[in-house]
């Protein structure tokens, strides 16, 4: 409802803005913080995924100068918060930090 998004989980990944583990593999609605890992689906195509979004496969899947960070399990994604979806690859800024906002 409103600006809430469905946060899809495989296990007990943390949900932005929520505390506790919740029920394993159950999805929850939440407000998404700007640099929180967020799964939007796979094979969405060129220039689709924004900052900390996935599941990208190659750099050209990411918008602008973002690159696809390949990971295993819940490996931390540089410049992004949260655990994300297990084994999902996410777009991030090269060097791991977001550019300053003006």
PDB file of N, CA and C in Angstrom:
ATOM      1  N   UNK A   1       0.835  -1.165   0.000  1.00  0.00           N
ATOM      2  CA  UNK A   1       0.000   0.000   0.000  1.00  0.00           C
ATOM      3  C   UNK A   1       0.890   1.241   0.000  1.00  0.00           C
ATOM      4  N   UNK A   2       0.500   2.253  -0.708  1.00  0.00           N
ATOM      5  CA  UNK A   2       1.298   3.479  -0.751  1.00  0.00           C
ATOM      6  C   UNK A   2       2.672   3.239  -1.332  1.00  0.00           C
ATOM      7  N   UNK A   3       3.709   3.669  -0.615  1.00  0.00           N
ATOM      8  CA  UNK A   3       5.088   3.516  -1.096  1.00  0.00           C
ATOM      9  C   UNK A   3       5.743   2.228  -0.599  1.00  0.00           C
ATOM     10  N   UNK A   4       4.974   1.353   0.033  1.00  0.00           N
ATOM     11  CA  UNK A   4       5.539   0.094   0.513  1.00  0.00           C
ATOM     12  C   UNK A   4       5.900  -0.802  -0.664  1.00  0.00           C
ATOM     13  N   UNK A   5       6.965  -1.597  -0.487  1.00  0.00           N
ATOM     14  CA  UNK A   5       7.378  -2.574  -1.483  1.00  0.00           C
ATOM     15  C   UNK A   5       7.392  -3.948  -0.828  1.00  0.00           C
ATOM     16  N   UNK A   6       7.282  -4.985  -1.654  1.00  0.00           N
ATOM     17  CA  UNK A   6       7.331  -6.347  -1.139  1.00  0.00           C
ATOM     18  C   UNK A   6       8.792  -6.773  -1.049  1.00  0.00           C
ATOM     19  N   UNK A   7       9.260  -7.059   0.153  1.00  0.00           N
ATOM     20  CA  UNK A   7      10.630  -7.510   0.367  1.00  0.00           C
ATOM     21  C   UNK A   7      10.630  -9.027   0.387  1.00  0.00           C
ATOM     22  N   UNK A   8      11.164  -9.637  -0.696  1.00  0.00           N
ATOM     23  CA  UNK A   8      11.140 -11.087  -0.841  1.00  0.00           C
ATOM     24  C   UNK A   8      12.328 -11.723  -0.144  1.00  0.00           C
ATOM     25  N   UNK A   9      12.042 -12.801   0.602  1.00  0.00           N
ATOM     26  CA  UNK A   9      13.077 -13.472   1.385  1.00  0.00           C
ATOM     27  C   UNK A   9      13.102 -14.966   1.102  1.00  0.00           C
ATOM     28  N   UNK A  10      14.310 -15.549   1.187  1.00  0.00           N
ATOM     29  CA  UNK A  10      14.482 -16.995   1.071  1.00  0.00           C
ATOM     30  C   UNK A  10      14.562 -17.662   2.428  1.00  0.00           C
ATOM     31  N   UNK A  11      14.990 -16.907   3.418  1.00  0.00           N
ATOM     32  CA  UNK A  11      15.299 -17.472   4.725  1.00  0.00           C
ATOM     33  C   UNK A  11      14.854 -16.468   5.775  1.00  0.00           C
ATOM     34  N   UNK A  12      15.787 -15.998   6.603  1.00  0.00           N
ATOM     35  CA  UNK A  12      15.463 -14.998   7.629  1.00  0.00           C
ATOM     36  C   UNK A  12      16.254 -13.719   7.391  1.00  0.00           C
ATOM     37  N   UNK A  13      16.419 -13.324   6.117  1.00  0.00           N
ATOM     38  CA  UNK A  13      17.118 -12.079   5.806  1.00  0.00           C
ATOM     39  C   UNK A  13      16.434 -10.922   6.529  1.00  0.00           C
ATOM     40  N   UNK A  14      17.237  -9.937   6.936  1.00  0.00           N
ATOM     41  CA  UNK A  14      16.672  -8.789   7.631  1.00  0.00           C
ATOM     42  C   UNK A  14      15.792  -7.976   6.683  1.00  0.00           C
ATOM     43  N   UNK A  15      14.720  -7.422   7.223  1.00  0.00           N
ATOM     44  CA  UNK A  15      13.788  -6.605   6.451  1.00  0.00           C
ATOM     45  C   UNK A  15      13.987  -5.155   6.864  1.00  0.00           C
ATOM     46  N   UNK A  16      14.195  -4.227   5.904  1.00  0.00           N
ATOM     47  CA  UNK A  16      14.433  -2.830   6.253  1.00  0.00           C
ATOM     48  C   UNK A  16      13.314  -2.245   7.106  1.00  0.00           C
ATOM     49  N   UNK A  17      13.710  -1.598   8.194  1.00  0.00           N
ATOM     50  CA  UNK A  17      12.753  -0.944   9.072  1.00  0.00           C
ATOM     51  C   UNK A  17      12.038  -1.866  10.036  1.00  0.00           C
ATOM     52  N   UNK A  18      12.393  -3.149  10.037  1.00  0.00           N
ATOM     53  CA  UNK A  18      11.744  -4.114  10.929  1.00  0.00           C
ATOM     54  C   UNK A  18      12.774  -4.713  11.878  1.00  0.00           C
ATOM     55  N   UNK A  19      12.311  -5.187  13.026  1.00  0.00           N
ATOM     56  CA  UNK A  19      13.209  -5.851  13.963  1.00  0.00           C
ATOM     57  C   UNK A  19      12.776  -7.300  14.111  1.00  0.00           C
ATOM     58  N   UNK A  20      13.689  -8.144  14.562  1.00  0.00           N
ATOM     59  CA  UNK A  20      13.385  -9.553  14.729  1.00  0.00           C
ATOM     60  C   UNK A  20      13.588 -10.327  13.439  1.00  0.00           C
ATOM     61  N   UNK A  21      13.459 -11.646  13.534  1.00  0.00           N
ATOM     62  CA  UNK A  21      13.687 -12.514  12.378  1.00  0.00           C
ATOM     63  C   UNK A  21      12.435 -12.742  11.542  1.00  0.00           C
ATOM     64  N   UNK A  22      11.263 -12.597  12.118  1.00  0.00           N
ATOM     65  CA  UNK A  22      10.046 -12.911  11.388  1.00  0.00           C
ATOM     66  C   UNK A  22       9.949 -14.406  11.134  1.00  0.00           C
ATOM     67  N   UNK A  23       9.122 -14.791  10.193  1.00  0.00           N
ATOM     68  CA  UNK A  23       8.936 -16.198   9.841  1.00  0.00           C
ATOM     69  C   UNK A  23       9.822 -16.513   8.653  1.00  0.00           C
ATOM     70  N   UNK A  24      10.589 -17.589   8.729  1.00  0.00           N
ATOM     71  CA  UNK A  24      11.521 -17.969   7.678  1.00  0.00           C
ATOM     72  C   UNK A  24      10.831 -18.073   6.321  1.00  0.00           C
ATOM     73  N   UNK A  25      11.450 -17.472   5.297  1.00  0.00           N
ATOM     74  CA  UNK A  25      11.009 -17.517   3.893  1.00  0.00           C
ATOM     75  C   UNK A  25       9.673 -16.819   3.630  1.00  0.00           C
ATOM     76  N   UNK A  26       9.206 -15.991   4.571  1.00  0.00           N
ATOM     77  CA  UNK A  26       7.976 -15.234   4.367  1.00  0.00           C
ATOM     78  C   UNK A  26       8.352 -13.825   3.921  1.00  0.00           C
ATOM     79  N   UNK A  27       7.644 -13.299   2.910  1.00  0.00           N
ATOM     80  CA  UNK A  27       7.894 -11.959   2.392  1.00  0.00           C
ATOM     81  C   UNK A  27       7.138 -10.932   3.237  1.00  0.00           C
ATOM     82  N   UNK A  28       7.700  -9.710   3.327  1.00  0.00           N
ATOM     83  CA  UNK A  28       7.092  -8.644   4.116  1.00  0.00           C
ATOM     84  C   UNK A  28       7.039  -7.351   3.331  1.00  0.00           C
ATOM     85  N   UNK A  29       6.054  -6.518   3.611  1.00  0.00           N
ATOM     86  CA  UNK A  29       5.976  -5.177   3.039  1.00  0.00           C
ATOM     87  C   UNK A  29       6.817  -4.241   3.892  1.00  0.00           C
ATOM     88  N   UNK A  30       7.490  -3.295   3.220  1.00  0.00           N
ATOM     89  CA  UNK A  30       8.327  -2.353   3.965  1.00  0.00           C
ATOM     90  C   UNK A  30       8.588  -1.119   3.125  1.00  0.00           C
ATOM     91  N   UNK A  31       9.101  -0.085   3.773  1.00  0.00           N
ATOM     92  CA  UNK A  31       9.639   1.071   3.069  1.00  0.00           C
ATOM     93  C   UNK A  31      11.100   0.758   2.795  1.00  0.00           C
ATOM     94  N   UNK A  32      11.548   0.945   1.580  1.00  0.00           N
ATOM     95  CA  UNK A  32      12.919   0.594   1.218  1.00  0.00           C
ATOM     96  C   UNK A  32      13.846   1.792   1.373  1.00  0.00           C
ATOM     97  N   UNK A  33      14.828   1.707   2.280  1.00  0.00           N
ATOM     98  CA  UNK A  33      15.848   2.744   2.359  1.00  0.00           C
ATOM     99  C   UNK A  33      16.654   2.777   1.051  1.00  0.00           C
ATOM    100  N   UNK A  34      17.216   3.922   0.666  1.00  0.00           N
ATOM    101  CA  UNK A  34      17.840   4.080  -0.645  1.00  0.00           C
ATOM    102  C   UNK A  34      19.017   3.155  -0.958  1.00  0.00           C
ATOM    103  N   UNK A  35      19.812   2.749   0.032  1.00  0.00           N
ATOM    104  CA  UNK A  35      20.959   1.887  -0.290  1.00  0.00           C
ATOM    105  C   UNK A  35      20.808   0.491   0.303  1.00  0.00           C
ATOM    106  N   UNK A  36      19.589   0.076   0.526  1.00  0.00           N
ATOM    107  CA  UNK A  36      19.323  -1.260   1.058  1.00  0.00           C
ATOM    108  C   UNK A  36      19.195  -2.236  -0.107  1.00  0.00           C
ATOM    109  N   UNK A  37      19.836  -3.399   0.003  1.00  0.00           N
ATOM    110  CA  UNK A  37      19.767  -4.400  -1.059  1.00  0.00           C
ATOM    111  C   UNK A  37      18.319  -4.788  -1.321  1.00  0.00           C
ATOM    112  N   UNK A  38      17.957  -4.812  -2.596  1.00  0.00           N
ATOM    113  CA  UNK A  38      16.572  -5.095  -2.951  1.00  0.00           C
ATOM    114  C   UNK A  38      16.510  -5.939  -4.211  1.00  0.00           C
ATOM    115  N   UNK A  39      15.797  -7.056  -4.129  1.00  0.00           N
ATOM    116  CA  UNK A  39      15.641  -7.967  -5.259  1.00  0.00           C
ATOM    117  C   UNK A  39      14.442  -7.535  -6.102  1.00  0.00           C
ATOM    118  N   UNK A  40      14.687  -7.239  -7.381  1.00  0.00           N
ATOM    119  CA  UNK A  40      13.604  -6.823  -8.271  1.00  0.00           C
ATOM    120  C   UNK A  40      13.316  -7.858  -9.350  1.00  0.00           C
ATOM    121  N   UNK A  41      14.049  -8.972  -9.351  1.00  0.00           N
ATOM    122  CA  UNK A  41      13.839 -10.024 -10.340  1.00  0.00           C
ATOM    123  C   UNK A  41      15.101 -10.285 -11.146  1.00  0.00           C
ATOM    124  N   UNK A  42      15.043 -11.291 -12.009  1.00  0.00           N
ATOM    125  CA  UNK A  42      16.206 -11.678 -12.806  1.00  0.00           C
ATOM    126  C   UNK A  42      15.900 -11.482 -14.287  1.00  0.00           C
ATOM    127  N   UNK A  43      16.959 -11.326 -15.076  1.00  0.00           N
ATOM    128  CA  UNK A  43      16.848 -11.195 -16.537  1.00  0.00           C
ATOM    129  C   UNK A  43      15.951 -10.035 -16.957  1.00  0.00           C
ATOM    130  N   UNK A  44      16.119  -8.893 -16.312  1.00  0.00           N
ATOM    131  CA  UNK A  44      15.314  -7.714 -16.642  1.00  0.00           C
ATOM    132  C   UNK A  44      15.894  -6.928 -17.814  1.00  0.00           C
ATOM    133  N   UNK A  45      17.156  -7.196 -18.163  1.00  0.00           N
ATOM    134  CA  UNK A  45      17.732  -6.558 -19.351  1.00  0.00           C
ATOM    135  C   UNK A  45      18.683  -5.417 -19.063  1.00  0.00           C
ATOM    136  N   UNK A  46      19.185  -4.867 -20.135  1.00  0.00           N
ATOM    137  CA  UNK A  46      20.186  -3.807 -20.108  1.00  0.00           C
ATOM    138  C   UNK A  46      19.673  -2.548 -19.421  1.00  0.00           C
ATOM    139  N   UNK A  47      20.535  -1.957 -18.583  1.00  0.00           N
ATOM    140  CA  UNK A  47      20.282  -0.663 -17.943  1.00  0.00           C
ATOM    141  C   UNK A  47      19.003  -0.661 -17.091  1.00  0.00           C
ATOM    142  N   UNK A  48      18.698  -1.792 -16.455  1.00  0.00           N
ATOM    143  CA  UNK A  48      17.465  -1.912 -15.665  1.00  0.00           C
ATOM    144  C   UNK A  48      17.669  -1.654 -14.176  1.00  0.00           C
ATOM    145  N   UNK A  49      18.711  -2.241 -13.592  1.00  0.00           N
ATOM    146  CA  UNK A  49      18.876  -2.232 -12.133  1.00  0.00           C
ATOM    147  C   UNK A  49      19.563  -0.969 -11.622  1.00  0.00           C
ATOM    148  N   UNK A  50      18.982  -0.380 -10.587  1.00  0.00           N
ATOM    149  CA  UNK A  50      19.563   0.790  -9.952  1.00  0.00           C
ATOM    150  C   UNK A  50      20.504   0.384  -8.819  1.00  0.00           C
ATOM    151  N   UNK A  51      20.946   1.373  -8.050  1.00  0.00           N
ATOM    152  CA  UNK A  51      21.873   1.162  -6.948  1.00  0.00           C
ATOM    153  C   UNK A  51      21.309   0.178  -5.932  1.00  0.00           C
ATOM    154  N   UNK A  52      22.084  -0.863  -5.643  1.00  0.00           N
ATOM    155  CA  UNK A  52      21.756  -1.888  -4.648  1.00  0.00           C
ATOM    156  C   UNK A  52      20.540  -2.733  -5.041  1.00  0.00           C
ATOM    157  N   UNK A  53      20.244  -2.808  -6.345  1.00  0.00           N
ATOM    158  CA  UNK A  53      19.161  -3.640  -6.850  1.00  0.00           C
ATOM    159  C   UNK A  53      19.720  -4.842  -7.596  1.00  0.00           C
ATOM    160  N   UNK A  54      19.009  -5.937  -7.593  1.00  0.00           N
ATOM    161  CA  UNK A  54      19.434  -7.133  -8.302  1.00  0.00           C
ATOM    162  C   UNK A  54      18.243  -8.001  -8.631  1.00  0.00           C
ATOM    163  N   UNK A  55      18.432  -8.903  -9.447  1.00  0.00           N
ATOM    164  CA  UNK A  55      19.559  -9.792  -9.648  1.00  0.00           C
ATOM    165  C   UNK A  55      20.202  -9.526 -11.016  1.00  0.00           C
ATOM    166  N   UNK A  56      21.275  -8.748 -11.028  1.00  0.00           N
ATOM    167  CA  UNK A  56      22.000  -8.491 -12.269  1.00  0.00           C
ATOM    168  C   UNK A  56      22.871  -9.701 -12.611  1.00  0.00           C
ATOM    169  N   UNK A  57      23.270  -9.783 -13.874  1.00  0.00           N
ATOM    170  CA  UNK A  57      24.170 -10.846 -14.322  1.00  0.00           C
ATOM    171  C   UNK A  57      25.484 -10.278 -14.854  1.00  0.00           C
ATOM    172  N   UNK A  58      25.410  -9.129 -15.523  1.00  0.00           N
ATOM    173  CA  UNK A  58      26.597  -8.473 -16.084  1.00  0.00           C
ATOM    174  C   UNK A  58      26.480  -6.967 -15.867  1.00  0.00           C
ATOM    175  N   UNK A  59      27.598  -6.255 -15.999  1.00  0.00           N
ATOM    176  CA  UNK A  59      27.628  -4.813 -15.730  1.00  0.00           C
ATOM    177  C   UNK A  59      26.592  -4.029 -16.536  1.00  0.00           C
ATOM    178  N   UNK A  60      26.346  -4.418 -17.783  1.00  0.00           N
ATOM    179  CA  UNK A  60      25.401  -3.668 -18.610  1.00  0.00           C
ATOM    180  C   UNK A  60      23.953  -3.811 -18.140  1.00  0.00           C
ATOM    181  N   UNK A  61      23.688  -4.742 -17.229  1.00  0.00           N
ATOM    182  CA  UNK A  61      22.352  -4.843 -16.625  1.00  0.00           C
ATOM    183  C   UNK A  61      22.090  -3.657 -15.695  1.00  0.00           C
ATOM    184  N   UNK A  62      23.171  -3.022 -15.227  1.00  0.00           N
ATOM    185  CA  UNK A  62      23.080  -1.935 -14.247  1.00  0.00           C
ATOM    186  C   UNK A  62      22.985  -0.571 -14.933  1.00  0.00           C
ATOM    187  N   UNK A  63      22.282   0.359 -14.282  1.00  0.00           N
ATOM    188  CA  UNK A  63      22.122   1.717 -14.804  1.00  0.00           C
ATOM    189  C   UNK A  63      23.422   2.508 -14.693  1.00  0.00           C
ATOM    190  N   UNK A  64      23.656   3.375 -15.673  1.00  0.00           N
ATOM    191  CA  UNK A  64      24.768   4.320 -15.634  1.00  0.00           C
ATOM    192  C   UNK A  64      26.111   3.670 -15.415  1.00  0.00           C
ATOM    193  N   UNK A  65      26.853   4.210 -14.437  1.00  0.00           N
ATOM    194  CA  UNK A  65      28.204   3.708 -14.163  1.00  0.00           C
ATOM    195  C   UNK A  65      28.235   2.621 -13.089  1.00  0.00           C
ATOM    196  N   UNK A  66      27.079   2.106 -12.713  1.00  0.00           N
ATOM    197  CA  UNK A  66      27.036   1.028 -11.727  1.00  0.00           C
ATOM    198  C   UNK A  66      27.572  -0.255 -12.347  1.00  0.00           C
ATOM    199  N   UNK A  67      28.097  -1.144 -11.499  1.00  0.00           N
ATOM    200  CA  UNK A  67      28.596  -2.440 -11.955  1.00  0.00           C
ATOM    201  C   UNK A  67      27.906  -3.554 -11.161  1.00  0.00           C
ATOM    202  N   UNK A  68      27.865  -4.734 -11.762  1.00  0.00           N
ATOM    203  CA  UNK A  68      27.222  -5.891 -11.140  1.00  0.00           C
ATOM    204  C   UNK A  68      28.209  -6.582 -10.206  1.00  0.00           C
ATOM    205  N   UNK A  69      27.885  -6.639  -8.933  1.00  0.00           N
ATOM    206  CA  UNK A  69      28.736  -7.273  -7.928  1.00  0.00           C
ATOM    207  C   UNK A  69      28.322  -8.730  -7.787  1.00  0.00           C
ATOM    208  N   UNK A  70      29.175  -9.633  -8.252  1.00  0.00           N
ATOM    209  CA  UNK A  70      28.897 -11.064  -8.192  1.00  0.00           C
ATOM    210  C   UNK A  70      29.217 -11.570  -6.787  1.00  0.00           C
ATOM    211  N   UNK A  71      28.310 -12.303  -6.181  1.00  0.00           N
ATOM    212  CA  UNK A  71      28.554 -12.771  -4.820  1.00  0.00           C
ATOM    213  C   UNK A  71      28.017 -14.177  -4.606  1.00  0.00           C
ATOM    214  N   UNK A  72      28.433 -14.763  -3.499  1.00  0.00           N
ATOM    215  CA  UNK A  72      27.955 -16.076  -3.063  1.00  0.00           C
ATOM    216  C   UNK A  72      27.294 -15.902  -1.712  1.00  0.00           C
ATOM    217  N   UNK A  73      26.239 -16.652  -1.494  1.00  0.00           N
ATOM    218  CA  UNK A  73      25.564 -16.598  -0.200  1.00  0.00           C
ATOM    219  C   UNK A  73      25.118 -15.191   0.138  1.00  0.00           C
ATOM    220  N   UNK A  74      25.500 -14.739   1.317  1.00  0.00           N
ATOM    221  CA  UNK A  74      25.144 -13.404   1.787  1.00  0.00           C
ATOM    222  C   UNK A  74      26.365 -12.487   1.857  1.00  0.00           C
ATOM    223  N   UNK A  75      27.310 -12.653   0.931  1.00  0.00           N
ATOM    224  CA  UNK A  75      28.487 -11.796   0.900  1.00  0.00           C
ATOM    225  C   UNK A  75      28.054 -10.331   0.891  1.00  0.00           C
ATOM    226  N   UNK A  76      28.707  -9.507   1.695  1.00  0.00           N
ATOM    227  CA  UNK A  76      28.395  -8.088   1.775  1.00  0.00           C
ATOM    228  C   UNK A  76      28.657  -7.400   0.439  1.00  0.00           C
ATOM    229  N   UNK A  77      27.773  -6.507   0.022  1.00  0.00           N
ATOM    230  CA  UNK A  77      27.948  -5.738  -1.217  1.00  0.00           C
ATOM    231  C   UNK A  77      28.469  -4.359  -0.845  1.00  0.00           C
ATOM    232  N   UNK A  78      29.666  -3.991  -1.327  1.00  0.00           N
ATOM    233  CA  UNK A  78      30.255  -2.697  -0.976  1.00  0.00           C
ATOM    234  C   UNK A  78      29.332  -1.523  -1.314  1.00  0.00           C
ATOM    235  N   UNK A  79      29.119  -0.646  -0.333  1.00  0.00           N
ATOM    236  CA  UNK A  79      28.304   0.547  -0.534  1.00  0.00           C
ATOM    237  C   UNK A  79      26.810   0.332  -0.334  1.00  0.00           C
ATOM    238  N   UNK A  80      26.403  -0.893  -0.016  1.00  0.00           N
ATOM    239  CA  UNK A  80      24.981  -1.201   0.187  1.00  0.00           C
ATOM    240  C   UNK A  80      24.763  -1.762   1.590  1.00  0.00           C
ATOM    241  N   UNK A  81      23.545  -1.618   2.093  1.00  0.00           N
ATOM    242  CA  UNK A  81      23.176  -2.143   3.406  1.00  0.00           C
ATOM    243  C   UNK A  81      22.264  -3.353   3.259  1.00  0.00           C
ATOM    244  N   UNK A  82      22.184  -4.146   4.310  1.00  0.00           N
ATOM    245  CA  UNK A  82      21.288  -5.295   4.342  1.00  0.00           C
ATOM    246  C   UNK A  82      21.955  -6.558   3.837  1.00  0.00           C
ATOM    247  N   UNK A  83      21.246  -7.666   3.975  1.00  0.00           N
ATOM    248  CA  UNK A  83      21.791  -8.950   3.549  1.00  0.00           C
ATOM    249  C   UNK A  83      21.320  -9.342   2.161  1.00  0.00           C
ATOM    250  N   UNK A  84      20.193  -8.812   1.715  1.00  0.00           N
ATOM    251  CA  UNK A  84      19.675  -9.160   0.402  1.00  0.00           C
ATOM    252  C   UNK A  84      19.233 -10.602   0.315  1.00  0.00           C
ATOM    253  N   UNK A  85      19.035 -11.064  -0.889  1.00  0.00           N
ATOM    254  CA  UNK A  85      18.582 -12.425  -1.154  1.00  0.00           C
ATOM    255  C   UNK A  85      19.804 -13.299  -1.392  1.00  0.00           C
ATOM    256  N   UNK A  86      19.838 -14.464  -0.769  1.00  0.00           N
ATOM    257  CA  UNK A  86      20.991 -15.372  -0.838  1.00  0.00           C
ATOM    258  C   UNK A  86      21.403 -15.624  -2.293  1.00  0.00           C
ATOM    259  N   UNK A  87      22.713 -15.409  -2.577  1.00  0.00           N
ATOM    260  CA  UNK A  87      23.271 -15.702  -3.893  1.00  0.00           C
ATOM    261  C   UNK A  87      22.883 -14.734  -4.991  1.00  0.00           C
ATOM    262  N   UNK A  88      22.192 -13.661  -4.650  1.00  0.00           N
ATOM    263  CA  UNK A  88      21.755 -12.683  -5.651  1.00  0.00           C
ATOM    264  C   UNK A  88      22.853 -11.652  -5.867  1.00  0.00           C
ATOM    265  N   UNK A  89      23.056 -11.270  -7.131  1.00  0.00           N
ATOM    266  CA  UNK A  89      24.063 -10.273  -7.494  1.00  0.00           C
ATOM    267  C   UNK A  89      23.386  -8.908  -7.584  1.00  0.00           C
ATOM    268  N   UNK A  90      24.087  -7.874  -7.087  1.00  0.00           N
ATOM    269  CA  UNK A  90      23.496  -6.540  -7.003  1.00  0.00           C
ATOM    270  C   UNK A  90      24.381  -5.489  -7.673  1.00  0.00           C
ATOM    271  N   UNK A  91      23.748  -4.436  -8.194  1.00  0.00           N
ATOM    272  CA  UNK A  91      24.476  -3.320  -8.800  1.00  0.00           C
ATOM    273  C   UNK A  91      24.972  -2.379  -7.700  1.00  0.00           C
ATOM    274  N   UNK A  92      26.195  -1.894  -7.872  1.00  0.00           N
ATOM    275  CA  UNK A  92      26.761  -0.948  -6.906  1.00  0.00           C
ATOM    276  C   UNK A  92      27.752  -0.049  -7.622  1.00  0.00           C
ATOM    277  N   UNK A  93      28.226   0.978  -6.920  1.00  0.00           N
ATOM    278  CA  UNK A  93      29.221   1.883  -7.491  1.00  0.00           C
ATOM    279  C   UNK A  93      30.592   1.229  -7.451  1.00  0.00           C
ATOM    280  N   UNK A  94      31.362   1.333  -8.542  1.00  0.00           N
ATOM    281  CA  UNK A  94      32.730   0.828  -8.509  1.00  0.00           C
ATOM    282  C   UNK A  94      33.483   1.469  -7.339  1.00  0.00           C
ATOM    283  N   UNK A  95      34.251   0.723  -6.642  1.00  0.00           N
ATOM    284  CA  UNK A  95      34.946   1.241  -5.470  1.00  0.00           C
ATOM    285  C   UNK A  95      34.129   1.097  -4.192  1.00  0.00           C
ATOM    286  N   UNK A  96      32.848   0.760  -4.338  1.00  0.00           N
ATOM    287  CA  UNK A  96      32.027   0.421  -3.184  1.00  0.00           C
ATOM    288  C   UNK A  96      31.386   1.547  -2.433  1.00  0.00           C
ATOM    289  N   UNK A  97      31.537   2.773  -2.877  1.00  0.00           N
ATOM    290  CA  UNK A  97      30.883   3.859  -2.152  1.00  0.00           C
ATOM    291  C   UNK A  97      29.998   4.646  -3.100  1.00  0.00           C
ATOM    292  N   UNK A  98      28.919   5.132  -2.576  1.00  0.00           N
ATOM    293  CA  UNK A  98      28.000   5.943  -3.374  1.00  0.00           C
ATOM    294  C   UNK A  98      28.586   7.340  -3.536  1.00  0.00           C
ATOM    295  N   UNK A  99      28.318   7.998  -4.680  1.00  0.00           N
ATOM    296  CA  UNK A  99      28.816   9.355  -4.854  1.00  0.00           C
ATOM    297  C   UNK A  99      28.124  10.289  -3.868  1.00  0.00           C
ATOM    298  N   UNK A 100      28.769  11.378  -3.501  1.00  0.00           N
ATOM    299  CA  UNK A 100      28.127  12.311  -2.562  1.00  0.00           C
ATOM    300  C   UNK A 100      26.881  12.934  -3.179  1.00  0.00           C
ATOM    301  N   UNK A 101      25.895  13.213  -2.322  1.00  0.00           N
ATOM    302  CA  UNK A 101      24.697  13.899  -2.812  1.00  0.00           C
ATOM    303  C   UNK A 101      24.877  15.391  -2.641  1.00  0.00           C
ATOM    304  N   UNK A 102      24.350  16.120  -3.564  1.00  0.00           N
ATOM    305  CA  UNK A 102      24.513  17.588  -3.526  1.00  0.00           C
ATOM    306  C   UNK A 102      23.192  18.246  -3.227  1.00  0.00           C
TER     307      UNK A 102
END
